Amino acid sequence: MLEEADLLKALKRHWDYSGQDEDVASEIYHEDAVLEFPQSGERFEGVENFREWRRRYPARLAFHTRRITHRDDLVVVENLISYDGAPWMVTVNLLEFRGERVAHERIYIMDGWAPAEWRTPWRSETPADPPYPPPP
């Protein structure tokens, strides 16, 4: 696993270039990496497969990283994603490393929602996260 500073630099580079330059964005992966989307049931084996469809992605993507948590060979990245300037959606990326590169990634993407009023009496005044930035 990379040292923390190198890990954060590699992940920042990955999301800075995602949707812009897929060769650079794919540098974090092993050639035999696996990418999965549990919500759609899709699995892509080998970076060349998912790098190619990412090159052809039909929308302009923007990312905003909110939190990175890592232990041993597992990194959890909480991002916001916007498609073509639409409102942010919440994403969670589970990245399993083998050495210094990602061997397996699972991506969950979902809409956010307003807090339920009925939970107000038990809710902390401190929010879980800062407000979303303006959409790109």
C-alpha atoms as a PDB file:
ATOM      1  CA  MET A   1       0.000   0.000   0.000  1.00  0.00           C
ATOM      2  CA  LEU A   2       1.197   3.505  -0.728  1.00  0.00           C
ATOM      3  CA  GLU A   3       2.267   5.870   2.011  1.00  0.00           C
ATOM      4  CA  GLU A   4      -0.612   8.199   2.935  1.00  0.00           C
ATOM      5  CA  ALA A   5       0.704  11.277   1.106  1.00  0.00           C
ATOM      6  CA  ASP A   6       1.323   9.253  -2.067  1.00  0.00           C
ATOM      7  CA  LEU A   7      -2.069   7.559  -1.767  1.00  0.00           C
ATOM      8  CA  LEU A   8      -3.920  10.871  -1.449  1.00  0.00           C
ATOM      9  CA  LYS A   9      -1.937  12.322  -4.357  1.00  0.00           C
ATOM     10  CA  ALA A  10      -2.740   9.294  -6.574  1.00  0.00           C
ATOM     11  CA  LEU A  11      -6.448   9.409  -5.710  1.00  0.00           C
ATOM     12  CA  LYS A  12      -6.656  13.155  -6.298  1.00  0.00           C
ATOM     13  CA  ARG A  13      -4.970  12.680  -9.686  1.00  0.00           C
ATOM     14  CA  HIS A  14      -7.398   9.862 -10.515  1.00  0.00           C
ATOM     15  CA  TRP A  15     -10.511  11.975  -9.875  1.00  0.00           C
ATOM     16  CA  ASP A  16      -9.018  15.124 -11.375  1.00  0.00           C
ATOM     17  CA  TYR A  17      -8.539  13.257 -14.662  1.00  0.00           C
ATOM     18  CA  SER A  18     -11.644  11.011 -14.568  1.00  0.00           C
ATOM     19  CA  GLY A  19     -13.847  11.977 -17.481  1.00  0.00           C
ATOM     20  CA  GLN A  20     -10.985  14.034 -18.958  1.00  0.00           C
ATOM     21  CA  ASP A  21      -8.071  11.686 -19.688  1.00  0.00           C
ATOM     22  CA  GLU A  22      -8.790   8.035 -18.979  1.00  0.00           C
ATOM     23  CA  ASP A  23      -5.180   6.944 -19.529  1.00  0.00           C
ATOM     24  CA  VAL A  24      -4.079   9.135 -16.616  1.00  0.00           C
ATOM     25  CA  ALA A  25      -7.172   8.302 -14.541  1.00  0.00           C
ATOM     26  CA  SER A  26      -6.447   4.579 -14.987  1.00  0.00           C
ATOM     27  CA  GLU A  27      -2.888   4.750 -13.663  1.00  0.00           C
ATOM     28  CA  ILE A  28      -4.096   3.714 -10.201  1.00  0.00           C
ATOM     29  CA  TYR A  29      -5.286   0.276 -11.426  1.00  0.00           C
ATOM     30  CA  HIS A  30      -3.563  -3.045 -11.974  1.00  0.00           C
ATOM     31  CA  GLU A  31      -4.037  -4.264 -15.551  1.00  0.00           C
ATOM     32  CA  ASP A  32      -6.186  -7.145 -14.223  1.00  0.00           C
ATOM     33  CA  ALA A  33      -8.279  -4.910 -11.951  1.00  0.00           C
ATOM     34  CA  VAL A  34     -11.978  -5.587 -11.506  1.00  0.00           C
ATOM     35  CA  LEU A  35     -14.626  -2.837 -11.415  1.00  0.00           C
ATOM     36  CA  GLU A  36     -18.145  -3.560 -10.155  1.00  0.00           C
ATOM     37  CA  PHE A  37     -21.407  -1.623  -9.891  1.00  0.00           C
ATOM     38  CA  PRO A  38     -23.572  -3.561  -7.396  1.00  0.00           C
ATOM     39  CA  GLN A  39     -26.665  -1.468  -8.177  1.00  0.00           C
ATOM     40  CA  SER A  40     -26.677  -2.527 -11.845  1.00  0.00           C
ATOM     41  CA  GLY A  41     -25.000  -5.911 -11.336  1.00  0.00           C
ATOM     42  CA  GLU A  42     -22.217  -5.059 -13.802  1.00  0.00           C
ATOM     43  CA  ARG A  43     -18.670  -6.403 -13.519  1.00  0.00           C
ATOM     44  CA  PHE A  44     -15.766  -5.348 -15.733  1.00  0.00           C
ATOM     45  CA  GLU A  45     -12.601  -7.443 -15.736  1.00  0.00           C
ATOM     46  CA  GLY A  46      -9.347  -5.816 -16.820  1.00  0.00           C
ATOM     47  CA  VAL A  47      -8.591  -2.114 -16.839  1.00  0.00           C
ATOM     48  CA  GLU A  48      -8.578  -2.021 -20.655  1.00  0.00           C
ATOM     49  CA  ASN A  49     -12.309  -2.861 -20.628  1.00  0.00           C
ATOM     50  CA  PHE A  50     -13.489  -0.175 -18.256  1.00  0.00           C
ATOM     51  CA  ARG A  51     -10.961   2.396 -19.455  1.00  0.00           C
ATOM     52  CA  GLU A  52     -12.417   2.070 -22.966  1.00  0.00           C
ATOM     53  CA  TRP A  53     -16.061   2.578 -22.010  1.00  0.00           C
ATOM     54  CA  ARG A  54     -15.032   5.450 -19.752  1.00  0.00           C
ATOM     55  CA  ARG A  55     -13.432   7.100 -22.801  1.00  0.00           C
ATOM     56  CA  ARG A  56     -16.793   6.906 -24.566  1.00  0.00           C
ATOM     57  CA  TYR A  57     -18.899   8.043 -21.609  1.00  0.00           C
ATOM     58  CA  PRO A  58     -21.746  10.154 -23.015  1.00  0.00           C
ATOM     59  CA  ALA A  59     -21.853  12.767 -20.236  1.00  0.00           C
ATOM     60  CA  ARG A  60     -19.461  15.383 -18.829  1.00  0.00           C
ATOM     61  CA  LEU A  61     -18.442  14.283 -15.342  1.00  0.00           C
ATOM     62  CA  ALA A  62     -17.415  16.355 -12.336  1.00  0.00           C
ATOM     63  CA  PHE A  63     -16.277  14.995  -8.976  1.00  0.00           C
ATOM     64  CA  HIS A  64     -15.947  16.466  -5.511  1.00  0.00           C
ATOM     65  CA  THR A  65     -14.174  14.311  -2.907  1.00  0.00           C
ATOM     66  CA  ARG A  66     -15.657  14.629   0.565  1.00  0.00           C
ATOM     67  CA  ARG A  67     -13.787  12.031   2.606  1.00  0.00           C
ATOM     68  CA  ILE A  68     -11.120   9.353   2.218  1.00  0.00           C
ATOM     69  CA  THR A  69     -10.748   6.636   4.849  1.00  0.00           C
ATOM     70  CA  HIS A  70      -8.184   3.868   4.592  1.00  0.00           C
ATOM     71  CA  ARG A  71      -7.012   0.851   6.531  1.00  0.00           C
ATOM     72  CA  ASP A  72      -4.376  -1.583   5.387  1.00  0.00           C
ATOM     73  CA  ASP A  73      -5.279  -2.417   1.771  1.00  0.00           C
ATOM     74  CA  LEU A  74      -8.826  -0.961   1.771  1.00  0.00           C
ATOM     75  CA  VAL A  75      -9.691   2.643   0.856  1.00  0.00           C
ATOM     76  CA  VAL A  76     -13.199   4.097   1.083  1.00  0.00           C
ATOM     77  CA  VAL A  77     -13.748   7.298  -0.898  1.00  0.00           C
ATOM     78  CA  GLU A  78     -16.905   9.367  -0.481  1.00  0.00           C
ATOM     79  CA  ASN A  79     -17.450  11.567  -3.517  1.00  0.00           C
ATOM     80  CA  LEU A  80     -20.080  13.699  -5.105  1.00  0.00           C
ATOM     81  CA  ILE A  81     -20.590  13.232  -8.843  1.00  0.00           C
ATOM     82  CA  SER A  82     -22.383  15.448 -11.329  1.00  0.00           C
ATOM     83  CA  TYR A  83     -23.393  14.399 -14.827  1.00  0.00           C
ATOM     84  CA  ASP A  84     -23.510  17.276 -17.350  1.00  0.00           C
ATOM     85  CA  GLY A  85     -23.777  19.873 -14.571  1.00  0.00           C
ATOM     86  CA  ALA A  86     -26.838  18.263 -12.952  1.00  0.00           C
ATOM     87  CA  PRO A  87     -27.207  18.301  -9.143  1.00  0.00           C
ATOM     88  CA  TRP A  88     -24.691  16.269  -7.185  1.00  0.00           C
ATOM     89  CA  MET A  89     -25.242  12.594  -6.448  1.00  0.00           C
ATOM     90  CA  VAL A  90     -23.495  10.744  -3.611  1.00  0.00           C
ATOM     91  CA  THR A  91     -20.954   8.036  -4.472  1.00  0.00           C
ATOM     92  CA  VAL A  92     -19.000   5.593  -2.378  1.00  0.00           C
ATOM     93  CA  ASN A  93     -16.004   3.861  -3.907  1.00  0.00           C
ATOM     94  CA  LEU A  94     -14.530   0.811  -2.174  1.00  0.00           C
ATOM     95  CA  LEU A  95     -10.972   0.363  -3.433  1.00  0.00           C
ATOM     96  CA  GLU A  96      -9.001  -2.772  -2.583  1.00  0.00           C
ATOM     97  CA  PHE A  97      -5.291  -2.400  -3.185  1.00  0.00           C
ATOM     98  CA  ARG A  98      -2.763  -5.051  -4.097  1.00  0.00           C
ATOM     99  CA  GLY A  99       0.581  -3.412  -3.436  1.00  0.00           C
ATOM    100  CA  GLU A 100       0.507   0.148  -4.765  1.00  0.00           C
ATOM    101  CA  ARG A 101      -2.407  -0.184  -7.206  1.00  0.00           C
ATOM    102  CA  VAL A 102      -6.124  -0.882  -7.133  1.00  0.00           C
ATOM    103  CA  ALA A 103      -7.040  -4.522  -7.767  1.00  0.00           C
ATOM    104  CA  HIS A 104     -10.797  -4.306  -7.112  1.00  0.00           C
ATOM    105  CA  GLU A 105     -13.255  -1.409  -6.989  1.00  0.00           C
ATOM    106  CA  ARG A 106     -16.976  -1.315  -6.173  1.00  0.00           C
ATOM    107  CA  ILE A 107     -18.894   1.888  -6.893  1.00  0.00           C
ATOM    108  CA  TYR A 108     -22.229   2.829  -5.345  1.00  0.00           C
ATOM    109  CA  ILE A 109     -24.063   5.903  -6.711  1.00  0.00           C
ATOM    110  CA  MET A 110     -27.242   7.318  -5.215  1.00  0.00           C
ATOM    111  CA  ASP A 111     -29.339  10.446  -4.874  1.00  0.00           C
ATOM    112  CA  GLY A 112     -29.202  12.379  -1.628  1.00  0.00           C
ATOM    113  CA  TRP A 113     -32.413  13.183   0.236  1.00  0.00           C
ATOM    114  CA  ALA A 114     -33.773  15.718   2.676  1.00  0.00           C
ATOM    115  CA  PRO A 115     -33.653  14.709   6.341  1.00  0.00           C
ATOM    116  CA  ALA A 116     -36.850  13.236   7.766  1.00  0.00           C
ATOM    117  CA  GLU A 117     -38.593  15.759  10.008  1.00  0.00           C
ATOM    118  CA  TRP A 118     -39.801  13.099  12.452  1.00  0.00           C
ATOM    119  CA  ARG A 119     -36.153  12.385  13.468  1.00  0.00           C
ATOM    120  CA  THR A 120     -35.518  16.027  14.455  1.00  0.00           C
ATOM    121  CA  PRO A 121     -35.761  15.437  18.240  1.00  0.00           C
ATOM    122  CA  TRP A 122     -32.844  12.982  18.118  1.00  0.00           C
ATOM    123  CA  ARG A 123     -30.692  14.613  15.444  1.00  0.00           C
ATOM    124  CA  SER A 124     -27.471  16.390  16.356  1.00  0.00           C
ATOM    125  CA  GLU A 125     -27.137  20.083  15.559  1.00  0.00           C
ATOM    126  CA  THR A 126     -23.788  19.216  13.948  1.00  0.00           C
ATOM    127  CA  PRO A 127     -24.300  17.978  10.368  1.00  0.00           C
ATOM    128  CA  ALA A 128     -22.640  14.787   9.171  1.00  0.00           C
ATOM    129  CA  ASP A 129     -21.008  16.686   6.304  1.00  0.00           C
ATOM    130  CA  PRO A 130     -20.668  20.260   5.085  1.00  0.00           C
ATOM    131  CA  PRO A 131     -23.261  21.402   2.550  1.00  0.00           C
ATOM    132  CA  TYR A 132     -22.741  20.379  -1.056  1.00  0.00           C
ATOM    133  CA  PRO A 133     -20.803  22.901  -3.139  1.00  0.00           C
ATOM    134  CA  PRO A 134     -22.692  24.492  -6.042  1.00  0.00           C
ATOM    135  CA  PRO A 135     -23.088  22.101  -8.995  1.00  0.00           C
ATOM    136  CA  PRO A 136     -20.354  22.496 -11.606  1.00  0.00           C
END
